[in-house]
Amino acid sequence: MNEFNQKANLRISLIPLVILIILILGAGYLLLEGEIKLPKFNRGPQIKRLEGFPTIVYTDKQIEKQRKVIKSEQELTEFLNLIDPSGLLEVRDKIDFNKEYLLAATTETENETGHSVKIRRVYEDKNNSTLLVSIQEEEAGSNCDVEMDKNISVDIASISKTDWNIEFDRTKQINQCNKN
């Protein structure tokens, strides 16, 4: 009986200690909220930058701006050949199209340097099951030194595979260069 009482007392004395530890961890989490990334379930699509992108391809080929969701190796090859028929443009990262898609964006063929395109962010619209890909295009202002050289700006990013609709939205920014 005495041994049973000792075990019961030990369990009872550990309860306040466990509660105190939980309170300390909870207070620490609240104080450091946003600085510590805890794993979340159902995080939605994850976007990842690809090595070597965004980039600029110099070409004489005239193309329209492109916004594509690339779902296979064949579509990727067709897209890269459209942008750069010489075959110099390539995706260095290994892409598993069973788990992820590629988001691709280009400018139209520009006659001078100073243009760029970048996939900035992906927004979720859970009500409509839609992903909105935000693309930022930049161009040189009127007081910038530019060279006359035809080029296309290209950006490619990977996103976890989804069955949601994917739409693209563009924002345009004009960079003002400072001349001294």
N, C-alpha and C. Protein backbone atom coordinates (compact mmCIF):
# COMPACT_ATOMS: atom_id res chain seq x y z
N MET A 1 0.81 -1.18 0.00
CA MET A 1 0.00 0.00 0.00
C MET A 1 0.86 1.25 0.00
N ASN A 2 1.96 1.18 0.75
CA ASN A 2 2.87 2.32 0.86
C ASN A 2 3.52 2.63 -0.48
N GLU A 3 3.86 1.59 -1.23
CA GLU A 3 4.47 1.78 -2.56
C GLU A 3 3.46 2.41 -3.52
N PHE A 4 2.20 2.02 -3.43
CA PHE A 4 1.14 2.60 -4.26
C PHE A 4 0.98 4.09 -3.97
N ASN A 5 1.02 4.47 -2.71
CA ASN A 5 0.89 5.88 -2.34
C ASN A 5 2.07 6.70 -2.86
N GLN A 6 3.26 6.13 -2.85
CA GLN A 6 4.44 6.85 -3.36
C GLN A 6 4.31 7.10 -4.87
N LYS A 7 3.84 6.12 -5.62
CA LYS A 7 3.65 6.29 -7.07
C LYS A 7 2.57 7.32 -7.35
N ALA A 8 1.49 7.30 -6.60
CA ALA A 8 0.41 8.27 -6.78
C ALA A 8 0.90 9.68 -6.48
N ASN A 9 1.68 9.82 -5.40
CA ASN A 9 2.22 11.14 -5.05
C ASN A 9 3.19 11.63 -6.12
N LEU A 10 3.99 10.73 -6.69
CA LEU A 10 4.94 11.10 -7.74
C LEU A 10 4.20 11.60 -8.98
N ARG A 11 3.13 10.91 -9.37
CA ARG A 11 2.33 11.34 -10.52
C ARG A 11 1.68 12.69 -10.28
N ILE A 12 1.14 12.87 -9.10
CA ILE A 12 0.49 14.13 -8.77
C ILE A 12 1.49 15.27 -8.75
N SER A 13 2.70 15.04 -8.28
CA SER A 13 3.70 16.10 -8.21
C SER A 13 4.26 16.44 -9.60
N LEU A 14 4.14 15.54 -10.57
CA LEU A 14 4.61 15.81 -11.93
C LEU A 14 3.61 16.63 -12.73
N ILE A 15 2.34 16.59 -12.38
CA ILE A 15 1.30 17.33 -13.12
C ILE A 15 1.58 18.83 -13.14
N PRO A 16 1.87 19.47 -12.00
CA PRO A 16 2.18 20.92 -12.07
C PRO A 16 3.42 21.21 -12.90
N LEU A 17 4.40 20.33 -12.86
CA LEU A 17 5.62 20.52 -13.66
C LEU A 17 5.30 20.47 -15.16
N VAL A 18 4.49 19.53 -15.58
CA VAL A 18 4.10 19.41 -16.98
C VAL A 18 3.29 20.64 -17.41
N ILE A 19 2.36 21.08 -16.57
CA ILE A 19 1.57 22.27 -16.89
C ILE A 19 2.47 23.49 -17.01
N LEU A 20 3.44 23.63 -16.11
CA LEU A 20 4.37 24.76 -16.16
C LEU A 20 5.19 24.74 -17.45
N ILE A 21 5.66 23.59 -17.88
CA ILE A 21 6.44 23.49 -19.12
C ILE A 21 5.57 23.86 -20.32
N ILE A 22 4.32 23.41 -20.35
CA ILE A 22 3.42 23.75 -21.46
C ILE A 22 3.17 25.25 -21.50
N LEU A 23 2.98 25.87 -20.34
CA LEU A 23 2.77 27.32 -20.29
C LEU A 23 4.00 28.09 -20.78
N ILE A 24 5.18 27.64 -20.40
CA ILE A 24 6.42 28.30 -20.84
C ILE A 24 6.57 28.18 -22.36
N LEU A 25 6.34 26.99 -22.90
CA LEU A 25 6.44 26.81 -24.35
C LEU A 25 5.39 27.64 -25.09
N GLY A 26 4.17 27.69 -24.56
CA GLY A 26 3.12 28.49 -25.19
C GLY A 26 3.46 29.97 -25.17
N ALA A 27 3.97 30.48 -24.06
CA ALA A 27 4.36 31.89 -23.98
C ALA A 27 5.52 32.18 -24.92
N GLY A 28 6.48 31.27 -25.00
CA GLY A 28 7.61 31.46 -25.91
C GLY A 28 7.17 31.49 -27.36
N TYR A 29 6.23 30.63 -27.71
CA TYR A 29 5.71 30.63 -29.08
C TYR A 29 5.02 31.95 -29.40
N LEU A 30 4.21 32.43 -28.48
CA LEU A 30 3.50 33.69 -28.71
C LEU A 30 4.47 34.87 -28.81
N LEU A 31 5.54 34.86 -28.03
CA LEU A 31 6.51 35.95 -28.08
C LEU A 31 7.32 35.92 -29.37
N LEU A 32 7.57 34.73 -29.89
CA LEU A 32 8.40 34.59 -31.09
C LEU A 32 7.55 34.30 -32.32
N GLU A 33 6.27 34.59 -32.27
CA GLU A 33 5.36 34.30 -33.38
C GLU A 33 5.87 34.94 -34.67
N GLY A 34 5.93 34.16 -35.73
CA GLY A 34 6.40 34.66 -37.01
C GLY A 34 7.89 34.41 -37.22
N GLU A 35 8.64 34.22 -36.15
CA GLU A 35 10.08 33.97 -36.28
C GLU A 35 10.37 32.48 -36.35
N ILE A 36 9.52 31.69 -35.78
CA ILE A 36 9.68 30.25 -35.78
C ILE A 36 8.63 29.66 -36.71
N LYS A 37 9.07 28.88 -37.66
CA LYS A 37 8.15 28.26 -38.61
C LYS A 37 7.85 26.84 -38.14
N LEU A 38 6.67 26.65 -37.62
CA LEU A 38 6.24 25.32 -37.22
C LEU A 38 5.60 24.63 -38.41
N PRO A 39 5.70 23.31 -38.47
CA PRO A 39 5.08 22.63 -39.60
C PRO A 39 3.57 22.82 -39.56
N LYS A 40 3.01 23.06 -40.73
CA LYS A 40 1.56 23.24 -40.85
C LYS A 40 1.03 22.15 -41.76
N PHE A 41 -0.15 21.71 -41.43
CA PHE A 41 -0.79 20.71 -42.27
C PHE A 41 -1.65 21.42 -43.30
N ASN A 42 -1.75 20.84 -44.48
CA ASN A 42 -2.53 21.42 -45.57
C ASN A 42 -2.07 22.84 -45.89
N ARG A 43 -0.79 22.97 -46.14
CA ARG A 43 -0.18 24.27 -46.38
C ARG A 43 -0.53 24.83 -47.75
N GLY A 44 -1.09 24.04 -48.60
CA GLY A 44 -1.39 24.53 -49.94
C GLY A 44 -0.17 24.38 -50.83
N PRO A 45 -0.24 24.94 -52.01
CA PRO A 45 0.85 24.81 -52.98
C PRO A 45 2.14 25.48 -52.48
N GLN A 46 3.24 24.82 -52.69
CA GLN A 46 4.54 25.36 -52.32
C GLN A 46 5.27 25.77 -53.60
N ILE A 47 5.81 26.99 -53.60
CA ILE A 47 6.52 27.50 -54.78
C ILE A 47 8.01 27.51 -54.49
N LYS A 48 8.81 27.20 -55.52
CA LYS A 48 10.26 27.13 -55.36
C LYS A 48 10.92 27.78 -56.56
N ARG A 49 11.91 28.63 -56.32
CA ARG A 49 12.69 29.26 -57.38
C ARG A 49 13.60 28.21 -58.00
N LEU A 50 13.80 28.30 -59.30
CA LEU A 50 14.71 27.39 -59.99
C LEU A 50 16.05 28.08 -60.20
N GLU A 51 17.10 27.29 -60.13
CA GLU A 51 18.45 27.82 -60.31
C GLU A 51 18.61 28.38 -61.73
N GLY A 52 19.15 29.60 -61.80
CA GLY A 52 19.41 30.21 -63.10
C GLY A 52 18.28 31.07 -63.64
N PHE A 53 17.18 31.18 -62.88
CA PHE A 53 16.04 31.98 -63.33
C PHE A 53 15.72 33.02 -62.27
N PRO A 54 15.25 34.18 -62.63
CA PRO A 54 14.97 34.69 -63.97
C PRO A 54 16.25 34.94 -64.76
N THR A 55 16.13 34.95 -66.07
CA THR A 55 17.28 35.16 -66.95
C THR A 55 16.83 35.91 -68.19
N ILE A 56 17.82 36.30 -68.98
CA ILE A 56 17.55 37.02 -70.23
C ILE A 56 18.16 36.22 -71.37
N VAL A 57 17.39 36.04 -72.44
CA VAL A 57 17.84 35.31 -73.62
C VAL A 57 17.91 36.31 -74.77
N TYR A 58 19.08 36.42 -75.38
CA TYR A 58 19.26 37.31 -76.53
C TYR A 58 18.91 36.53 -77.79
N THR A 59 18.02 37.11 -78.60
CA THR A 59 17.51 36.40 -79.77
C THR A 59 17.04 37.38 -80.82
N ASP A 60 16.97 36.91 -82.05
CA ASP A 60 16.37 37.69 -83.12
C ASP A 60 14.94 37.25 -83.37
N LYS A 61 14.53 36.18 -82.70
CA LYS A 61 13.19 35.63 -82.88
C LYS A 61 12.15 36.55 -82.24
N GLN A 62 11.05 36.75 -82.94
CA GLN A 62 9.97 37.61 -82.46
C GLN A 62 8.90 36.73 -81.81
N ILE A 63 8.65 36.89 -80.51
CA ILE A 63 7.59 36.12 -79.85
C ILE A 63 6.72 37.06 -79.01
N GLU A 64 5.52 36.60 -78.73
CA GLU A 64 4.61 37.31 -77.83
C GLU A 64 4.93 36.89 -76.40
N LYS A 65 4.46 37.66 -75.43
CA LYS A 65 4.68 37.28 -74.04
C LYS A 65 3.99 35.95 -73.77
N GLN A 66 4.58 35.17 -72.90
CA GLN A 66 4.08 33.83 -72.60
C GLN A 66 3.77 33.73 -71.11
N ARG A 67 2.69 33.06 -70.77
CA ARG A 67 2.33 32.69 -69.41
C ARG A 67 1.86 31.25 -69.50
N LYS A 68 2.61 30.32 -68.90
CA LYS A 68 2.28 28.90 -69.08
C LYS A 68 2.39 28.14 -67.77
N VAL A 69 1.56 27.13 -67.66
CA VAL A 69 1.69 26.11 -66.63
C VAL A 69 2.21 24.87 -67.35
N ILE A 70 3.42 24.46 -67.04
CA ILE A 70 4.07 23.35 -67.74
C ILE A 70 3.89 22.09 -66.89
N LYS A 71 3.25 21.07 -67.48
CA LYS A 71 2.87 19.88 -66.72
C LYS A 71 3.61 18.62 -67.14
N SER A 72 4.52 18.72 -68.13
CA SER A 72 5.25 17.53 -68.57
C SER A 72 6.61 17.93 -69.13
N GLU A 73 7.46 16.95 -69.26
CA GLU A 73 8.79 17.17 -69.83
C GLU A 73 8.69 17.65 -71.28
N GLN A 74 7.73 17.10 -72.02
CA GLN A 74 7.53 17.50 -73.41
C GLN A 74 7.12 18.97 -73.51
N GLU A 75 6.20 19.41 -72.66
CA GLU A 75 5.79 20.82 -72.66
C GLU A 75 6.96 21.73 -72.30
N LEU A 76 7.81 21.29 -71.37
CA LEU A 76 8.99 22.07 -71.00
C LEU A 76 9.94 22.21 -72.18
N THR A 77 10.19 21.11 -72.88
CA THR A 77 11.07 21.15 -74.05
C THR A 77 10.51 22.07 -75.12
N GLU A 78 9.22 21.99 -75.38
CA GLU A 78 8.59 22.87 -76.38
C GLU A 78 8.71 24.33 -75.98
N PHE A 79 8.50 24.63 -74.70
CA PHE A 79 8.59 26.01 -74.22
C PHE A 79 10.03 26.54 -74.37
N LEU A 80 11.00 25.75 -73.94
CA LEU A 80 12.40 26.19 -74.02
C LEU A 80 12.83 26.37 -75.47
N ASN A 81 12.39 25.49 -76.37
CA ASN A 81 12.73 25.63 -77.79
C ASN A 81 12.06 26.84 -78.42
N LEU A 82 10.87 27.19 -77.96
CA LEU A 82 10.20 28.39 -78.45
C LEU A 82 11.00 29.63 -78.08
N ILE A 83 11.47 29.69 -76.86
CA ILE A 83 12.20 30.85 -76.37
C ILE A 83 13.61 30.90 -76.94
N ASP A 84 14.29 29.76 -76.93
CA ASP A 84 15.69 29.71 -77.35
C ASP A 84 15.94 28.49 -78.23
N PRO A 85 15.76 28.62 -79.54
CA PRO A 85 15.95 27.48 -80.44
C PRO A 85 17.38 26.92 -80.44
N SER A 86 18.35 27.71 -79.99
CA SER A 86 19.74 27.23 -79.98
C SER A 86 19.96 26.13 -78.94
N GLY A 87 19.06 26.01 -77.96
CA GLY A 87 19.19 24.96 -76.96
C GLY A 87 20.07 25.34 -75.78
N LEU A 88 20.51 26.58 -75.69
CA LEU A 88 21.37 26.99 -74.57
C LEU A 88 20.58 27.18 -73.28
N LEU A 89 19.32 27.52 -73.38
CA LEU A 89 18.49 27.71 -72.20
C LEU A 89 18.04 26.35 -71.70
N GLU A 90 18.31 26.07 -70.43
CA GLU A 90 17.93 24.78 -69.86
C GLU A 90 17.55 24.94 -68.40
N VAL A 91 16.77 24.00 -67.91
CA VAL A 91 16.42 23.95 -66.49
C VAL A 91 17.38 22.98 -65.83
N ARG A 92 18.18 23.49 -64.90
CA ARG A 92 19.20 22.66 -64.25
C ARG A 92 18.63 21.77 -63.15
N ASP A 93 17.56 22.24 -62.50
CA ASP A 93 16.97 21.49 -61.40
C ASP A 93 16.24 20.26 -61.95
N LYS A 94 16.23 19.19 -61.17
CA LYS A 94 15.50 17.99 -61.53
C LYS A 94 14.03 18.20 -61.17
N ILE A 95 13.16 18.05 -62.15
CA ILE A 95 11.74 18.28 -61.95
C ILE A 95 10.99 16.95 -62.01
N ASP A 96 10.21 16.65 -60.97
CA ASP A 96 9.37 15.46 -60.95
C ASP A 96 7.94 15.91 -61.26
N PHE A 97 7.52 15.74 -62.51
CA PHE A 97 6.21 16.21 -62.93
C PHE A 97 5.06 15.42 -62.31
N ASN A 98 5.37 14.33 -61.60
CA ASN A 98 4.33 13.62 -60.85
C ASN A 98 3.98 14.36 -59.56
N LYS A 99 4.92 15.23 -59.09
CA LYS A 99 4.72 15.95 -57.83
C LYS A 99 4.62 17.46 -58.00
N GLU A 100 5.09 17.99 -59.11
CA GLU A 100 5.10 19.45 -59.26
C GLU A 100 4.91 19.87 -60.71
N TYR A 101 4.49 21.11 -60.88
CA TYR A 101 4.35 21.76 -62.18
C TYR A 101 5.34 22.91 -62.23
N LEU A 102 5.54 23.43 -63.43
CA LEU A 102 6.36 24.63 -63.60
C LEU A 102 5.47 25.79 -64.03
N LEU A 103 5.75 26.95 -63.47
CA LEU A 103 5.11 28.19 -63.89
C LEU A 103 6.13 28.95 -64.71
N ALA A 104 5.77 29.36 -65.91
CA ALA A 104 6.72 30.05 -66.79
C ALA A 104 6.11 31.36 -67.26
N ALA A 105 6.97 32.39 -67.30
CA ALA A 105 6.54 33.71 -67.76
C ALA A 105 7.66 34.34 -68.56
N THR A 106 7.31 35.00 -69.66
CA THR A 106 8.30 35.71 -70.46
C THR A 106 7.74 37.08 -70.84
N THR A 107 8.65 37.94 -71.24
CA THR A 107 8.24 39.19 -71.88
C THR A 107 8.12 38.91 -73.36
N GLU A 108 7.55 39.84 -74.09
CA GLU A 108 7.62 39.73 -75.55
C GLU A 108 9.06 40.08 -75.95
N THR A 109 9.39 39.89 -77.19
CA THR A 109 10.73 40.25 -77.65
C THR A 109 10.89 41.76 -77.54
N GLU A 110 11.89 42.17 -76.76
CA GLU A 110 12.16 43.60 -76.55
C GLU A 110 13.32 44.01 -77.44
N ASN A 111 13.30 45.24 -77.92
CA ASN A 111 14.36 45.73 -78.81
C ASN A 111 15.57 46.28 -78.06
N GLU A 112 15.40 46.59 -76.77
CA GLU A 112 16.53 47.13 -76.01
C GLU A 112 16.63 46.41 -74.66
N THR A 113 17.80 46.53 -74.03
CA THR A 113 18.02 45.91 -72.73
C THR A 113 17.28 46.71 -71.65
N GLY A 114 17.26 46.19 -70.45
CA GLY A 114 16.63 46.89 -69.33
C GLY A 114 15.28 46.34 -68.93
N HIS A 115 14.84 45.27 -69.58
CA HIS A 115 13.55 44.67 -69.25
C HIS A 115 13.79 43.39 -68.46
N SER A 116 12.89 43.09 -67.53
CA SER A 116 12.98 41.83 -66.79
C SER A 116 11.59 41.39 -66.37
N VAL A 117 11.46 40.11 -66.05
CA VAL A 117 10.21 39.54 -65.58
C VAL A 117 10.54 38.61 -64.41
N LYS A 118 9.67 38.59 -63.40
CA LYS A 118 9.91 37.73 -62.24
C LYS A 118 8.57 37.28 -61.66
N ILE A 119 8.48 35.98 -61.39
CA ILE A 119 7.32 35.44 -60.69
C ILE A 119 7.52 35.78 -59.22
N ARG A 120 6.63 36.62 -58.68
CA ARG A 120 6.82 37.15 -57.34
C ARG A 120 6.16 36.29 -56.26
N ARG A 121 4.91 35.93 -56.47
CA ARG A 121 4.17 35.29 -55.38
C ARG A 121 2.96 34.56 -55.96
N VAL A 122 2.47 33.59 -55.20
CA VAL A 122 1.26 32.87 -55.57
C VAL A 122 0.23 33.08 -54.47
N TYR A 123 -0.94 33.57 -54.86
CA TYR A 123 -2.03 33.81 -53.93
C TYR A 123 -3.09 32.73 -54.10
N GLU A 124 -3.69 32.30 -52.99
CA GLU A 124 -4.74 31.29 -53.02
C GLU A 124 -6.11 31.95 -52.88
N ASP A 125 -7.05 31.53 -53.70
CA ASP A 125 -8.45 31.89 -53.52
C ASP A 125 -9.18 30.58 -53.25
N LYS A 126 -9.31 30.25 -51.96
CA LYS A 126 -9.88 28.96 -51.58
C LYS A 126 -11.34 28.83 -51.96
N ASN A 127 -12.06 29.95 -52.01
CA ASN A 127 -13.48 29.89 -52.37
C ASN A 127 -13.69 29.44 -53.81
N ASN A 128 -12.80 29.88 -54.71
CA ASN A 128 -12.93 29.54 -56.13
C ASN A 128 -11.94 28.46 -56.57
N SER A 129 -11.18 27.90 -55.64
CA SER A 129 -10.14 26.91 -55.97
C SER A 129 -9.23 27.42 -57.08
N THR A 130 -8.71 28.63 -56.88
CA THR A 130 -7.88 29.28 -57.89
C THR A 130 -6.58 29.77 -57.27
N LEU A 131 -5.50 29.61 -58.00
CA LEU A 131 -4.21 30.19 -57.62
C LEU A 131 -3.95 31.36 -58.56
N LEU A 132 -3.55 32.49 -57.99
CA LEU A 132 -3.22 33.67 -58.78
C LEU A 132 -1.72 33.89 -58.69
N VAL A 133 -1.04 33.77 -59.83
CA VAL A 133 0.41 33.95 -59.89
C VAL A 133 0.69 35.41 -60.21
N SER A 134 1.38 36.08 -59.29
CA SER A 134 1.72 37.49 -59.47
C SER A 134 3.08 37.59 -60.16
N ILE A 135 3.09 38.28 -61.31
CA ILE A 135 4.30 38.45 -62.11
C ILE A 135 4.64 39.93 -62.14
N GLN A 136 5.90 40.24 -61.88
CA GLN A 136 6.34 41.63 -61.94
C GLN A 136 7.25 41.82 -63.14
N GLU A 137 6.86 42.74 -64.01
CA GLU A 137 7.69 43.12 -65.15
C GLU A 137 8.32 44.46 -64.85
N GLU A 138 9.61 44.58 -65.15
CA GLU A 138 10.31 45.84 -64.98
C GLU A 138 10.87 46.28 -66.32
N GLU A 139 10.87 47.59 -66.53
CA GLU A 139 11.49 48.13 -67.74
C GLU A 139 12.26 49.38 -67.36
N ALA A 140 13.26 49.69 -68.17
CA ALA A 140 14.10 50.85 -67.91
C ALA A 140 13.32 52.13 -68.21
N GLY A 141 13.53 53.14 -67.37
CA GLY A 141 12.89 54.43 -67.57
C GLY A 141 13.52 55.19 -68.71
N SER A 142 12.95 56.35 -69.02
CA SER A 142 13.41 57.13 -70.17
C SER A 142 14.80 57.72 -69.96
N ASN A 143 15.25 57.84 -68.71
CA ASN A 143 16.58 58.41 -68.48
C ASN A 143 17.65 57.35 -68.25
N CYS A 144 17.38 56.09 -68.57
CA CYS A 144 18.34 55.01 -68.39
C CYS A 144 19.13 54.77 -69.67
N ASP A 145 20.37 54.35 -69.50
CA ASP A 145 21.19 53.95 -70.65
C ASP A 145 20.84 52.51 -71.01
N VAL A 146 20.38 52.30 -72.20
CA VAL A 146 20.05 50.96 -72.67
C VAL A 146 20.78 50.70 -73.98
N GLU A 147 20.98 49.42 -74.26
CA GLU A 147 21.61 49.02 -75.51
C GLU A 147 20.55 48.44 -76.43
N MET A 148 20.70 48.68 -77.71
CA MET A 148 19.77 48.12 -78.69
C MET A 148 20.20 46.68 -78.96
N ASP A 149 19.53 45.75 -78.32
CA ASP A 149 19.84 44.33 -78.44
C ASP A 149 18.56 43.56 -78.15
N LYS A 150 18.04 42.82 -79.13
CA LYS A 150 16.79 42.10 -78.95
C LYS A 150 16.96 41.01 -77.90
N ASN A 151 15.99 40.94 -76.98
CA ASN A 151 16.07 39.95 -75.91
C ASN A 151 14.69 39.62 -75.38
N ILE A 152 14.64 38.51 -74.65
CA ILE A 152 13.43 38.05 -73.99
C ILE A 152 13.80 37.74 -72.54
N SER A 153 13.04 38.26 -71.60
CA SER A 153 13.23 37.92 -70.19
C SER A 153 12.37 36.71 -69.87
N VAL A 154 12.95 35.76 -69.13
CA VAL A 154 12.27 34.50 -68.82
C VAL A 154 12.38 34.21 -67.33
N ASP A 155 11.30 33.76 -66.73
CA ASP A 155 11.34 33.26 -65.35
C ASP A 155 10.54 31.97 -65.28
N ILE A 156 11.09 31.01 -64.56
CA ILE A 156 10.43 29.72 -64.35
C ILE A 156 10.54 29.38 -62.88
N ALA A 157 9.44 28.95 -62.28
CA ALA A 157 9.42 28.51 -60.89
C ALA A 157 8.60 27.23 -60.81
N SER A 158 8.89 26.41 -59.80
CA SER A 158 8.10 25.18 -59.65
C SER A 158 7.06 25.38 -58.55
N ILE A 159 5.97 24.67 -58.69
CA ILE A 159 4.88 24.73 -57.71
C ILE A 159 4.40 23.30 -57.49
N SER A 160 4.02 22.99 -56.26
CA SER A 160 3.53 21.65 -56.00
C SER A 160 2.28 21.39 -56.84
N LYS A 161 2.15 20.15 -57.26
CA LYS A 161 1.06 19.76 -58.16
C LYS A 161 -0.29 20.06 -57.52
N THR A 162 -1.19 20.59 -58.31
CA THR A 162 -2.51 20.97 -57.82
C THR A 162 -3.55 20.77 -58.92
N ASP A 163 -4.79 20.61 -58.51
CA ASP A 163 -5.87 20.54 -59.50
C ASP A 163 -6.66 21.85 -59.54
N TRP A 164 -6.18 22.86 -58.84
CA TRP A 164 -6.82 24.17 -58.86
C TRP A 164 -6.53 24.87 -60.18
N ASN A 165 -7.38 25.84 -60.54
CA ASN A 165 -7.13 26.68 -61.71
C ASN A 165 -5.98 27.62 -61.39
N ILE A 166 -5.14 27.88 -62.37
CA ILE A 166 -4.01 28.79 -62.19
C ILE A 166 -4.17 29.95 -63.16
N GLU A 167 -4.17 31.16 -62.61
CA GLU A 167 -4.29 32.38 -63.40
C GLU A 167 -3.07 33.26 -63.15
N PHE A 168 -2.78 34.13 -64.10
CA PHE A 168 -1.62 35.01 -64.00
C PHE A 168 -2.07 36.46 -63.93
N ASP A 169 -1.36 37.25 -63.13
CA ASP A 169 -1.62 38.69 -63.01
C ASP A 169 -0.28 39.41 -63.10
N ARG A 170 -0.24 40.48 -63.90
CA ARG A 170 1.01 41.20 -64.14
C ARG A 170 0.96 42.58 -63.51
N THR A 171 2.08 42.96 -62.88
CA THR A 171 2.28 44.34 -62.46
C THR A 171 3.51 44.85 -63.20
N LYS A 172 3.47 46.09 -63.60
CA LYS A 172 4.57 46.66 -64.38
C LYS A 172 5.21 47.77 -63.56
N GLN A 173 6.53 47.77 -63.55
CA GLN A 173 7.28 48.78 -62.81
C GLN A 173 8.31 49.40 -63.75
N ILE A 174 8.42 50.72 -63.70
CA ILE A 174 9.42 51.42 -64.51
C ILE A 174 10.53 51.89 -63.59
N ASN A 175 11.74 51.42 -63.86
CA ASN A 175 12.90 51.80 -63.05
C ASN A 175 13.47 53.12 -63.56
N GLN A 176 13.61 54.06 -62.67
CA GLN A 176 14.21 55.35 -63.02
C GLN A 176 15.69 55.30 -62.65
N CYS A 177 16.55 55.44 -63.63
CA CYS A 177 17.99 55.40 -63.41
C CYS A 177 18.47 56.80 -63.05
N ASN A 178 19.45 56.86 -62.19
CA ASN A 178 20.02 58.15 -61.80
C ASN A 178 21.25 58.42 -62.65
N LYS A 179 21.23 59.50 -63.38
CA LYS A 179 22.40 59.90 -64.17
C LYS A 179 23.12 60.99 -63.41
N ASN A 180 24.41 60.85 -63.30
CA ASN A 180 25.21 61.87 -62.60
C ASN A 180 25.95 62.73 -63.57
